[in-house]
């Protein structure tokens, strides 16, 4: 059993550690702390492996652990600006160099605006729109009903648009 557990956790680490690290980094803005929390996520998964229900998706379970560890860490810290200048996650990877610079500049502004939103809005936008989790997966990670995910997202997007407009970045709706 112990060998099987190690093998499965190692496989999960290979598959999901990068995306969990990036998720945590968006929240804590510190590479070293994000690395530490990513490691803690997998240690906790190993220590609580027996509680993993096989009907759940391992990725969702791991993100839930990461979310809880990150929120606990943030609560222990002074209030932080929670997002860092990062390359835009997602989107079209075949841009011209000028478009890439523009996207990076817009991303900086987007992450600054996200950092000024209340945490529930920021979390749901990161999980649904940036990390592209489904409504169901987001609900599992945040331990919310699906209806709360939908309602919060429907309020969060206009709040983000307002924040972008306040900062002089005029958001164009598609």
C-alpha atoms as a PDB file:
ATOM      1  CA  UNK A   1       0.000   0.000   0.000  1.00  0.00           C
ATOM      2  CA  UNK A   2       2.762   2.471   0.935  1.00  0.00           C
ATOM      3  CA  UNK A   3       4.580   1.869  -2.361  1.00  0.00           C
ATOM      4  CA  UNK A   4       1.348   2.318  -4.321  1.00  0.00           C
ATOM      5  CA  UNK A   5       0.615   5.529  -2.400  1.00  0.00           C
ATOM      6  CA  UNK A   6       4.106   6.903  -3.118  1.00  0.00           C
ATOM      7  CA  UNK A   7       3.820   5.975  -6.781  1.00  0.00           C
ATOM      8  CA  UNK A   8       0.409   7.636  -7.162  1.00  0.00           C
ATOM      9  CA  UNK A   9       1.377  10.821  -5.292  1.00  0.00           C
ATOM     10  CA  UNK A  10       4.571  11.014  -7.403  1.00  0.00           C
ATOM     11  CA  UNK A  11       2.519  10.687 -10.584  1.00  0.00           C
ATOM     12  CA  UNK A  12       0.141  13.399  -9.387  1.00  0.00           C
ATOM     13  CA  UNK A  13       3.125  15.606  -8.568  1.00  0.00           C
ATOM     14  CA  UNK A  14       4.478  15.159 -12.096  1.00  0.00           C
ATOM     15  CA  UNK A  15       1.081  15.949 -13.632  1.00  0.00           C
ATOM     16  CA  UNK A  16      -0.146  18.783 -11.445  1.00  0.00           C
ATOM     17  CA  UNK A  17       2.672  20.453  -9.486  1.00  0.00           C
ATOM     18  CA  UNK A  18       3.286  23.095 -12.183  1.00  0.00           C
ATOM     19  CA  UNK A  19      -0.308  24.251 -12.386  1.00  0.00           C
ATOM     20  CA  UNK A  20      -0.682  24.159  -8.591  1.00  0.00           C
ATOM     21  CA  UNK A  21       2.507  26.218  -8.231  1.00  0.00           C
ATOM     22  CA  UNK A  22       1.221  28.831 -10.715  1.00  0.00           C
ATOM     23  CA  UNK A  23      -2.149  28.974  -8.940  1.00  0.00           C
ATOM     24  CA  UNK A  24      -0.482  29.511  -5.563  1.00  0.00           C
ATOM     25  CA  UNK A  25       1.915  32.069  -7.064  1.00  0.00           C
ATOM     26  CA  UNK A  26      -1.052  34.110  -8.291  1.00  0.00           C
ATOM     27  CA  UNK A  27      -2.297  34.198  -4.724  1.00  0.00           C
ATOM     28  CA  UNK A  28       0.919  34.803  -2.717  1.00  0.00           C
ATOM     29  CA  UNK A  29       3.190  36.677  -5.183  1.00  0.00           C
ATOM     30  CA  UNK A  30       6.335  35.024  -3.878  1.00  0.00           C
ATOM     31  CA  UNK A  31       8.176  32.303  -5.815  1.00  0.00           C
ATOM     32  CA  UNK A  32       9.787  30.704  -2.771  1.00  0.00           C
ATOM     33  CA  UNK A  33       6.572  30.725  -0.753  1.00  0.00           C
ATOM     34  CA  UNK A  34       4.642  29.304  -3.710  1.00  0.00           C
ATOM     35  CA  UNK A  35       7.236  26.519  -3.980  1.00  0.00           C
ATOM     36  CA  UNK A  36       6.930  25.799  -0.257  1.00  0.00           C
ATOM     37  CA  UNK A  37       3.131  25.733  -0.374  1.00  0.00           C
ATOM     38  CA  UNK A  38       3.209  23.481  -3.439  1.00  0.00           C
ATOM     39  CA  UNK A  39       5.435  21.044  -1.557  1.00  0.00           C
ATOM     40  CA  UNK A  40       3.145  21.266   1.481  1.00  0.00           C
ATOM     41  CA  UNK A  41       0.192  20.464  -0.765  1.00  0.00           C
ATOM     42  CA  UNK A  42       1.726  17.181  -1.841  1.00  0.00           C
ATOM     43  CA  UNK A  43       2.945  16.326   1.664  1.00  0.00           C
ATOM     44  CA  UNK A  44      -0.566  16.879   2.957  1.00  0.00           C
ATOM     45  CA  UNK A  45      -1.984  14.813   0.089  1.00  0.00           C
ATOM     46  CA  UNK A  46       0.433  12.013   1.003  1.00  0.00           C
ATOM     47  CA  UNK A  47      -0.450  12.209   4.705  1.00  0.00           C
ATOM     48  CA  UNK A  48      -4.197  12.268   3.999  1.00  0.00           C
ATOM     49  CA  UNK A  49      -4.159   9.929   1.016  1.00  0.00           C
ATOM     50  CA  UNK A  50      -6.646   7.588   2.684  1.00  0.00           C
ATOM     51  CA  UNK A  51      -9.269  10.365   2.759  1.00  0.00           C
ATOM     52  CA  UNK A  52      -9.162  10.769  -1.027  1.00  0.00           C
ATOM     53  CA  UNK A  53     -12.414   9.468  -2.434  1.00  0.00           C
ATOM     54  CA  UNK A  54     -11.832   7.721  -5.731  1.00  0.00           C
ATOM     55  CA  UNK A  55     -14.948   9.274  -7.237  1.00  0.00           C
ATOM     56  CA  UNK A  56     -13.309  12.718  -7.064  1.00  0.00           C
ATOM     57  CA  UNK A  57     -10.804  14.028  -9.601  1.00  0.00           C
ATOM     58  CA  UNK A  58      -7.259  14.004  -8.100  1.00  0.00           C
ATOM     59  CA  UNK A  59      -6.525  17.422  -9.652  1.00  0.00           C
ATOM     60  CA  UNK A  60      -9.563  18.965  -7.971  1.00  0.00           C
ATOM     61  CA  UNK A  61      -8.663  17.341  -4.644  1.00  0.00           C
ATOM     62  CA  UNK A  62      -5.087  18.643  -4.875  1.00  0.00           C
ATOM     63  CA  UNK A  63      -6.241  22.159  -5.802  1.00  0.00           C
ATOM     64  CA  UNK A  64      -8.579  22.124  -2.815  1.00  0.00           C
ATOM     65  CA  UNK A  65      -5.658  21.251  -0.538  1.00  0.00           C
ATOM     66  CA  UNK A  66      -3.537  23.959  -2.206  1.00  0.00           C
ATOM     67  CA  UNK A  67      -6.363  26.485  -1.860  1.00  0.00           C
ATOM     68  CA  UNK A  68      -6.825  25.763   1.843  1.00  0.00           C
ATOM     69  CA  UNK A  69      -3.082  25.897   2.590  1.00  0.00           C
ATOM     70  CA  UNK A  70      -2.732  29.149   0.642  1.00  0.00           C
ATOM     71  CA  UNK A  71      -5.701  30.802   2.358  1.00  0.00           C
ATOM     72  CA  UNK A  72      -4.323  29.733   5.754  1.00  0.00           C
ATOM     73  CA  UNK A  73      -0.937  31.203   4.810  1.00  0.00           C
ATOM     74  CA  UNK A  74      -2.485  34.478   3.613  1.00  0.00           C
ATOM     75  CA  UNK A  75      -4.560  34.814   6.784  1.00  0.00           C
ATOM     76  CA  UNK A  76      -1.376  34.540   8.850  1.00  0.00           C
ATOM     77  CA  UNK A  77       0.341  37.294   6.861  1.00  0.00           C
ATOM     78  CA  UNK A  78      -0.170  41.023   6.852  1.00  0.00           C
ATOM     79  CA  UNK A  79      -2.646  42.058   4.160  1.00  0.00           C
ATOM     80  CA  UNK A  80      -0.864  41.496   0.872  1.00  0.00           C
ATOM     81  CA  UNK A  81      -1.356  42.555  -2.663  1.00  0.00           C
ATOM     82  CA  UNK A  82      -2.174  39.049  -3.786  1.00  0.00           C
ATOM     83  CA  UNK A  83      -1.144  39.007  -7.422  1.00  0.00           C
ATOM     84  CA  UNK A  84       2.177  39.433  -9.199  1.00  0.00           C
ATOM     85  CA  UNK A  85       3.228  40.522 -12.647  1.00  0.00           C
ATOM     86  CA  UNK A  86       3.079  37.280 -14.585  1.00  0.00           C
ATOM     87  CA  UNK A  87       2.969  36.357 -18.186  1.00  0.00           C
ATOM     88  CA  UNK A  88      -0.566  36.081 -19.412  1.00  0.00           C
ATOM     89  CA  UNK A  89      -1.871  32.555 -18.765  1.00  0.00           C
ATOM     90  CA  UNK A  90      -3.853  31.146 -21.643  1.00  0.00           C
ATOM     91  CA  UNK A  91      -4.720  32.958 -24.817  1.00  0.00           C
ATOM     92  CA  UNK A  92      -3.182  32.762 -28.230  1.00  0.00           C
ATOM     93  CA  UNK A  93       0.476  31.697 -28.158  1.00  0.00           C
ATOM     94  CA  UNK A  94       1.179  32.702 -31.769  1.00  0.00           C
ATOM     95  CA  UNK A  95       1.171  36.486 -31.404  1.00  0.00           C
ATOM     96  CA  UNK A  96       3.581  38.815 -33.117  1.00  0.00           C
ATOM     97  CA  UNK A  97       6.221  40.311 -30.771  1.00  0.00           C
ATOM     98  CA  UNK A  98       4.355  43.646 -30.552  1.00  0.00           C
ATOM     99  CA  UNK A  99       1.136  41.844 -29.638  1.00  0.00           C
ATOM    100  CA  UNK A 100       3.000  39.803 -27.035  1.00  0.00           C
ATOM    101  CA  UNK A 101       4.305  42.996 -25.381  1.00  0.00           C
ATOM    102  CA  UNK A 102       0.809  44.487 -25.439  1.00  0.00           C
ATOM    103  CA  UNK A 103      -0.676  41.354 -23.884  1.00  0.00           C
ATOM    104  CA  UNK A 104       2.010  41.364 -21.179  1.00  0.00           C
ATOM    105  CA  UNK A 105       1.309  45.034 -20.402  1.00  0.00           C
ATOM    106  CA  UNK A 106      -2.436  44.376 -20.307  1.00  0.00           C
ATOM    107  CA  UNK A 107      -1.799  41.354 -18.095  1.00  0.00           C
ATOM    108  CA  UNK A 108       0.060  43.496 -15.576  1.00  0.00           C
ATOM    109  CA  UNK A 109      -2.916  45.803 -15.390  1.00  0.00           C
ATOM    110  CA  UNK A 110      -5.323  42.867 -15.189  1.00  0.00           C
ATOM    111  CA  UNK A 111      -3.431  41.319 -12.267  1.00  0.00           C
ATOM    112  CA  UNK A 112      -3.221  44.668 -10.476  1.00  0.00           C
ATOM    113  CA  UNK A 113      -6.978  45.100 -10.890  1.00  0.00           C
ATOM    114  CA  UNK A 114      -7.601  41.514  -9.736  1.00  0.00           C
ATOM    115  CA  UNK A 115      -5.504  42.232  -6.648  1.00  0.00           C
ATOM    116  CA  UNK A 116      -7.867  45.048  -5.702  1.00  0.00           C
ATOM    117  CA  UNK A 117     -10.990  42.855  -5.794  1.00  0.00           C
ATOM    118  CA  UNK A 118     -12.347  41.161  -2.716  1.00  0.00           C
ATOM    119  CA  UNK A 119     -10.867  37.703  -2.236  1.00  0.00           C
ATOM    120  CA  UNK A 120     -13.971  35.696  -3.184  1.00  0.00           C
ATOM    121  CA  UNK A 121     -14.167  37.528  -6.540  1.00  0.00           C
ATOM    122  CA  UNK A 122     -10.440  37.122  -7.138  1.00  0.00           C
ATOM    123  CA  UNK A 123     -10.511  33.393  -6.311  1.00  0.00           C
ATOM    124  CA  UNK A 124     -13.449  32.582  -8.553  1.00  0.00           C
ATOM    125  CA  UNK A 125     -12.007  34.561 -11.487  1.00  0.00           C
ATOM    126  CA  UNK A 126      -8.612  32.877 -11.110  1.00  0.00           C
ATOM    127  CA  UNK A 127     -10.088  29.391 -10.913  1.00  0.00           C
ATOM    128  CA  UNK A 128     -12.794  29.752 -13.577  1.00  0.00           C
ATOM    129  CA  UNK A 129     -11.313  32.169 -16.100  1.00  0.00           C
ATOM    130  CA  UNK A 130      -7.548  31.897 -15.695  1.00  0.00           C
ATOM    131  CA  UNK A 131      -7.060  28.293 -14.558  1.00  0.00           C
ATOM    132  CA  UNK A 132     -10.168  27.233 -16.548  1.00  0.00           C
ATOM    133  CA  UNK A 133     -11.723  24.908 -13.985  1.00  0.00           C
ATOM    134  CA  UNK A 134     -15.360  23.931 -14.537  1.00  0.00           C
ATOM    135  CA  UNK A 135     -18.088  25.294 -12.286  1.00  0.00           C
ATOM    136  CA  UNK A 136     -18.263  21.930 -10.526  1.00  0.00           C
ATOM    137  CA  UNK A 137     -14.487  21.741  -9.998  1.00  0.00           C
ATOM    138  CA  UNK A 138     -14.376  25.341  -8.760  1.00  0.00           C
ATOM    139  CA  UNK A 139     -17.199  24.572  -6.318  1.00  0.00           C
ATOM    140  CA  UNK A 140     -15.274  21.558  -5.012  1.00  0.00           C
ATOM    141  CA  UNK A 141     -12.028  23.527  -4.614  1.00  0.00           C
ATOM    142  CA  UNK A 142     -13.702  26.430  -2.798  1.00  0.00           C
ATOM    143  CA  UNK A 143     -16.165  24.182  -0.934  1.00  0.00           C
ATOM    144  CA  UNK A 144     -19.058  26.248  -2.261  1.00  0.00           C
ATOM    145  CA  UNK A 145     -22.320  25.197  -3.880  1.00  0.00           C
ATOM    146  CA  UNK A 146     -22.235  25.495  -7.683  1.00  0.00           C
ATOM    147  CA  UNK A 147     -24.863  28.232  -7.495  1.00  0.00           C
ATOM    148  CA  UNK A 148     -22.518  30.354  -5.356  1.00  0.00           C
ATOM    149  CA  UNK A 149     -19.730  29.919  -7.917  1.00  0.00           C
ATOM    150  CA  UNK A 150     -22.064  31.092 -10.699  1.00  0.00           C
ATOM    151  CA  UNK A 151     -23.453  34.016  -8.683  1.00  0.00           C
ATOM    152  CA  UNK A 152     -20.044  35.143  -7.447  1.00  0.00           C
ATOM    153  CA  UNK A 153     -18.577  34.971 -10.945  1.00  0.00           C
ATOM    154  CA  UNK A 154     -21.517  36.951 -12.345  1.00  0.00           C
ATOM    155  CA  UNK A 155     -20.711  39.702  -9.810  1.00  0.00           C
ATOM    156  CA  UNK A 156     -16.938  39.380 -10.046  1.00  0.00           C
ATOM    157  CA  UNK A 157     -16.637  40.007 -13.789  1.00  0.00           C
ATOM    158  CA  UNK A 158     -18.454  43.393 -13.682  1.00  0.00           C
ATOM    159  CA  UNK A 159     -16.449  44.318 -10.564  1.00  0.00           C
ATOM    160  CA  UNK A 160     -13.223  43.530 -12.461  1.00  0.00           C
ATOM    161  CA  UNK A 161     -14.426  45.552 -15.453  1.00  0.00           C
ATOM    162  CA  UNK A 162     -15.205  48.491 -13.127  1.00  0.00           C
ATOM    163  CA  UNK A 163     -11.769  48.206 -11.513  1.00  0.00           C
ATOM    164  CA  UNK A 164     -10.071  48.180 -14.917  1.00  0.00           C
ATOM    165  CA  UNK A 165     -12.067  51.239 -15.965  1.00  0.00           C
ATOM    166  CA  UNK A 166     -11.164  53.054 -12.717  1.00  0.00           C
ATOM    167  CA  UNK A 167      -7.510  52.438 -13.501  1.00  0.00           C
ATOM    168  CA  UNK A 168      -7.920  53.853 -17.000  1.00  0.00           C
ATOM    169  CA  UNK A 169      -7.829  50.520 -18.775  1.00  0.00           C
ATOM    170  CA  UNK A 170     -10.945  50.480 -20.824  1.00  0.00           C
ATOM    171  CA  UNK A 171     -12.211  46.961 -21.005  1.00  0.00           C
ATOM    172  CA  UNK A 172     -13.709  46.019 -24.355  1.00  0.00           C
ATOM    173  CA  UNK A 173     -16.432  43.416 -24.212  1.00  0.00           C
ATOM    174  CA  UNK A 174     -16.282  40.833 -26.976  1.00  0.00           C
END
